[in-house]
C-alpha cells in the first residue's frame, strides 16, 4: 500500500470513529493508529459471524484442507 493510500484509509477510519491517531512518544514525526472501543466491538462481532460461518461449513472446509494437503504432498 502506498503512503497516500494508507493516510486516506486512516483518515476515513478516524472520521468514522473507528480509529484514532496517537502521537508517538519517542518520535514526534510518527503517529500510532489505535482502534476505538466502537471498532473493537465491531471487529469482535464480525469475527463471531466469521467463525459461525466457518463452523456451518465445517465439512466442506475439512474436505478442502484435505485436498490441499494432497496437492502439496504431490508437489
N, C-alpha and C. Protein backbone atom coordinates (compact mmCIF):
# COMPACT_ATOMS: atom_id res chain seq x y z
N UNK A 1 0.85 -1.17 0.00
CA UNK A 1 0.00 0.00 0.00
C UNK A 1 0.90 1.23 0.00
N UNK A 2 0.55 2.18 -0.81
CA UNK A 2 1.31 3.42 -0.86
C UNK A 2 0.98 4.31 0.33
N UNK A 3 1.90 5.18 0.68
CA UNK A 3 1.73 6.07 1.84
C UNK A 3 0.43 6.87 1.76
N UNK A 4 0.17 7.48 0.61
CA UNK A 4 -1.04 8.30 0.47
C UNK A 4 -2.31 7.48 0.66
N UNK A 5 -2.30 6.25 0.15
CA UNK A 5 -3.47 5.38 0.31
C UNK A 5 -3.69 5.03 1.77
N UNK A 6 -2.60 4.76 2.48
CA UNK A 6 -2.71 4.44 3.90
C UNK A 6 -3.24 5.63 4.69
N UNK A 7 -2.74 6.81 4.38
CA UNK A 7 -3.20 8.02 5.07
C UNK A 7 -4.69 8.24 4.81
N UNK A 8 -5.13 8.07 3.58
CA UNK A 8 -6.54 8.24 3.25
C UNK A 8 -7.41 7.23 3.98
N UNK A 9 -6.93 5.99 4.06
CA UNK A 9 -7.68 4.96 4.77
C UNK A 9 -7.81 5.31 6.25
N UNK A 10 -6.72 5.73 6.86
CA UNK A 10 -6.76 6.12 8.28
C UNK A 10 -7.65 7.34 8.47
N UNK A 11 -7.58 8.31 7.56
CA UNK A 11 -8.46 9.48 7.64
C UNK A 11 -9.93 9.05 7.66
N UNK A 12 -10.28 8.13 6.76
CA UNK A 12 -11.68 7.67 6.71
C UNK A 12 -12.06 6.91 7.99
N UNK A 13 -11.14 6.10 8.49
CA UNK A 13 -11.43 5.36 9.72
C UNK A 13 -11.61 6.31 10.90
N UNK A 14 -10.76 7.34 10.98
CA UNK A 14 -10.88 8.31 12.06
C UNK A 14 -12.18 9.10 11.94
N UNK A 15 -12.54 9.49 10.74
CA UNK A 15 -13.79 10.23 10.52
C UNK A 15 -15.01 9.41 10.90
N UNK A 16 -14.89 8.09 10.74
CA UNK A 16 -16.00 7.19 11.07
C UNK A 16 -16.00 6.77 12.53
N UNK A 17 -15.01 7.21 13.27
CA UNK A 17 -14.94 6.85 14.69
C UNK A 17 -14.41 5.45 14.93
N UNK A 18 -13.70 4.89 13.94
CA UNK A 18 -13.19 3.52 14.08
C UNK A 18 -11.72 3.49 14.50
N UNK A 19 -11.01 4.60 14.34
CA UNK A 19 -9.60 4.65 14.69
C UNK A 19 -9.26 6.01 15.26
N UNK A 20 -8.13 6.06 15.93
CA UNK A 20 -7.65 7.34 16.46
C UNK A 20 -6.14 7.41 16.28
N UNK A 21 -5.67 8.60 16.04
CA UNK A 21 -4.23 8.83 15.91
C UNK A 21 -3.66 9.12 17.30
N UNK A 22 -2.55 8.47 17.61
CA UNK A 22 -1.89 8.64 18.90
C UNK A 22 -0.46 9.08 18.63
N UNK A 23 -0.08 10.29 19.03
CA UNK A 23 1.29 10.74 18.79
C UNK A 23 2.30 9.80 19.45
N UNK A 24 3.34 9.45 18.71
CA UNK A 24 4.40 8.60 19.26
C UNK A 24 5.19 9.40 20.27
N UNK A 25 5.52 8.78 21.40
CA UNK A 25 6.24 9.47 22.45
C UNK A 25 7.71 9.67 22.11
N UNK A 26 8.30 8.72 21.41
CA UNK A 26 9.74 8.76 21.15
C UNK A 26 10.11 9.44 19.83
N UNK A 27 9.16 9.61 18.94
CA UNK A 27 9.45 10.21 17.63
C UNK A 27 8.27 11.08 17.23
N UNK A 28 8.43 12.37 17.33
CA UNK A 28 7.32 13.30 17.06
C UNK A 28 6.88 13.29 15.60
N UNK A 29 7.68 12.68 14.72
CA UNK A 29 7.29 12.58 13.31
C UNK A 29 6.33 11.42 13.09
N UNK A 30 6.26 10.51 14.04
CA UNK A 30 5.45 9.29 13.89
C UNK A 30 4.12 9.41 14.63
N UNK A 31 3.15 8.69 14.10
CA UNK A 31 1.84 8.62 14.72
C UNK A 31 1.43 7.15 14.77
N UNK A 32 0.94 6.73 15.91
CA UNK A 32 0.41 5.38 16.04
C UNK A 32 -1.09 5.43 15.76
N UNK A 33 -1.62 4.34 15.24
CA UNK A 33 -3.05 4.25 14.95
C UNK A 33 -3.65 3.22 15.89
N UNK A 34 -4.66 3.63 16.62
CA UNK A 34 -5.32 2.73 17.55
C UNK A 34 -6.79 2.56 17.20
N UNK A 35 -7.32 1.40 17.55
CA UNK A 35 -8.74 1.14 17.34
C UNK A 35 -9.53 1.78 18.48
N UNK A 36 -10.68 2.30 18.17
CA UNK A 36 -11.57 2.82 19.20
C UNK A 36 -12.36 1.66 19.80
N UNK A 37 -13.01 1.93 20.92
CA UNK A 37 -13.84 0.90 21.56
C UNK A 37 -14.93 0.44 20.60
N UNK A 38 -15.48 1.37 19.84
CA UNK A 38 -16.53 1.04 18.87
C UNK A 38 -16.01 0.07 17.81
N UNK A 39 -14.82 0.33 17.29
CA UNK A 39 -14.28 -0.55 16.26
C UNK A 39 -13.90 -1.91 16.83
N UNK A 40 -13.45 -1.95 18.08
CA UNK A 40 -13.14 -3.24 18.71
C UNK A 40 -14.40 -4.08 18.86
N UNK A 41 -15.50 -3.44 19.24
CA UNK A 41 -16.78 -4.16 19.34
C UNK A 41 -17.21 -4.67 17.96
N UNK A 42 -17.05 -3.83 16.95
CA UNK A 42 -17.42 -4.22 15.59
C UNK A 42 -16.56 -5.39 15.12
N UNK A 43 -15.27 -5.32 15.37
CA UNK A 43 -14.36 -6.39 14.97
C UNK A 43 -14.71 -7.70 15.68
N UNK A 44 -15.03 -7.61 16.96
CA UNK A 44 -15.43 -8.81 17.71
C UNK A 44 -16.71 -9.41 17.13
N UNK A 45 -17.65 -8.57 16.78
CA UNK A 45 -18.91 -9.04 16.20
C UNK A 45 -18.68 -9.70 14.84
N UNK A 46 -17.84 -9.06 14.01
CA UNK A 46 -17.53 -9.64 12.70
C UNK A 46 -16.79 -10.96 12.83
N UNK A 47 -15.88 -11.05 13.79
CA UNK A 47 -15.14 -12.29 13.99
C UNK A 47 -16.09 -13.41 14.41
N UNK A 48 -17.05 -13.09 15.25
CA UNK A 48 -18.03 -14.10 15.69
C UNK A 48 -18.84 -14.61 14.50
N UNK A 49 -19.29 -13.71 13.65
CA UNK A 49 -20.04 -14.11 12.45
C UNK A 49 -19.18 -14.97 11.55
N UNK A 50 -17.91 -14.59 11.40
CA UNK A 50 -16.99 -15.34 10.55
C UNK A 50 -16.78 -16.77 11.08
N UNK A 51 -16.57 -16.90 12.38
CA UNK A 51 -16.38 -18.23 12.97
C UNK A 51 -17.64 -19.07 12.82
N UNK A 52 -18.80 -18.47 13.04
CA UNK A 52 -20.05 -19.20 12.89
C UNK A 52 -20.22 -19.70 11.46
N UNK A 53 -19.86 -18.88 10.48
CA UNK A 53 -19.96 -19.29 9.08
C UNK A 53 -18.98 -20.42 8.78
N UNK A 54 -17.77 -20.34 9.33
CA UNK A 54 -16.80 -21.41 9.11
C UNK A 54 -17.30 -22.72 9.72
N UNK A 55 -17.86 -22.64 10.92
CA UNK A 55 -18.36 -23.85 11.57
C UNK A 55 -19.56 -24.43 10.82
N UNK A 56 -20.38 -23.56 10.24
CA UNK A 56 -21.52 -24.04 9.46
C UNK A 56 -21.07 -24.80 8.22
N UNK A 57 -19.89 -24.46 7.72
CA UNK A 57 -19.35 -25.10 6.54
C UNK A 57 -18.16 -26.00 6.88
N UNK A 58 -18.14 -26.48 8.10
CA UNK A 58 -17.01 -27.29 8.57
C UNK A 58 -16.71 -28.50 7.69
N UNK A 59 -17.69 -29.28 7.27
CA UNK A 59 -17.37 -30.43 6.42
C UNK A 59 -16.68 -30.02 5.10
N UNK A 60 -17.19 -28.98 4.47
CA UNK A 60 -16.59 -28.51 3.23
C UNK A 60 -15.17 -27.97 3.48
N UNK A 61 -14.99 -27.27 4.57
CA UNK A 61 -13.68 -26.75 4.92
C UNK A 61 -12.69 -27.89 5.18
N UNK A 62 -13.13 -28.91 5.90
CA UNK A 62 -12.26 -30.06 6.18
C UNK A 62 -11.87 -30.77 4.88
N UNK A 63 -12.83 -30.93 3.98
CA UNK A 63 -12.54 -31.57 2.70
C UNK A 63 -11.56 -30.73 1.88
N UNK A 64 -11.75 -29.44 1.87
CA UNK A 64 -10.84 -28.55 1.14
C UNK A 64 -9.43 -28.61 1.70
N UNK A 65 -9.31 -28.64 3.01
CA UNK A 65 -7.99 -28.73 3.63
C UNK A 65 -7.33 -30.07 3.33
N UNK A 66 -8.12 -31.12 3.30
CA UNK A 66 -7.59 -32.44 2.96
C UNK A 66 -7.06 -32.46 1.53
N UNK A 67 -7.82 -31.87 0.62
CA UNK A 67 -7.37 -31.81 -0.78
C UNK A 67 -6.12 -30.95 -0.92
N UNK A 68 -6.06 -29.87 -0.17
CA UNK A 68 -4.88 -29.01 -0.21
C UNK A 68 -3.66 -29.77 0.28
N UNK A 69 -3.84 -30.57 1.32
CA UNK A 69 -2.74 -31.37 1.83
C UNK A 69 -2.26 -32.36 0.76
N UNK A 70 -3.21 -32.98 0.06
CA UNK A 70 -2.84 -33.92 -1.01
C UNK A 70 -2.07 -33.23 -2.13
N UNK A 71 -2.50 -32.05 -2.50
CA UNK A 71 -1.85 -31.32 -3.59
C UNK A 71 -0.44 -30.93 -3.18
N UNK A 72 -0.25 -30.50 -1.96
CA UNK A 72 1.09 -30.08 -1.53
C UNK A 72 2.01 -31.27 -1.37
N UNK A 73 1.47 -32.43 -1.06
CA UNK A 73 2.30 -33.64 -0.94
C UNK A 73 2.77 -34.11 -2.31
N UNK A 74 1.98 -33.81 -3.36
CA UNK A 74 2.35 -34.21 -4.71
C UNK A 74 3.44 -33.32 -5.28
N UNK A 75 3.50 -32.10 -4.79
CA UNK A 75 4.48 -31.15 -5.35
C UNK A 75 5.90 -31.45 -4.91
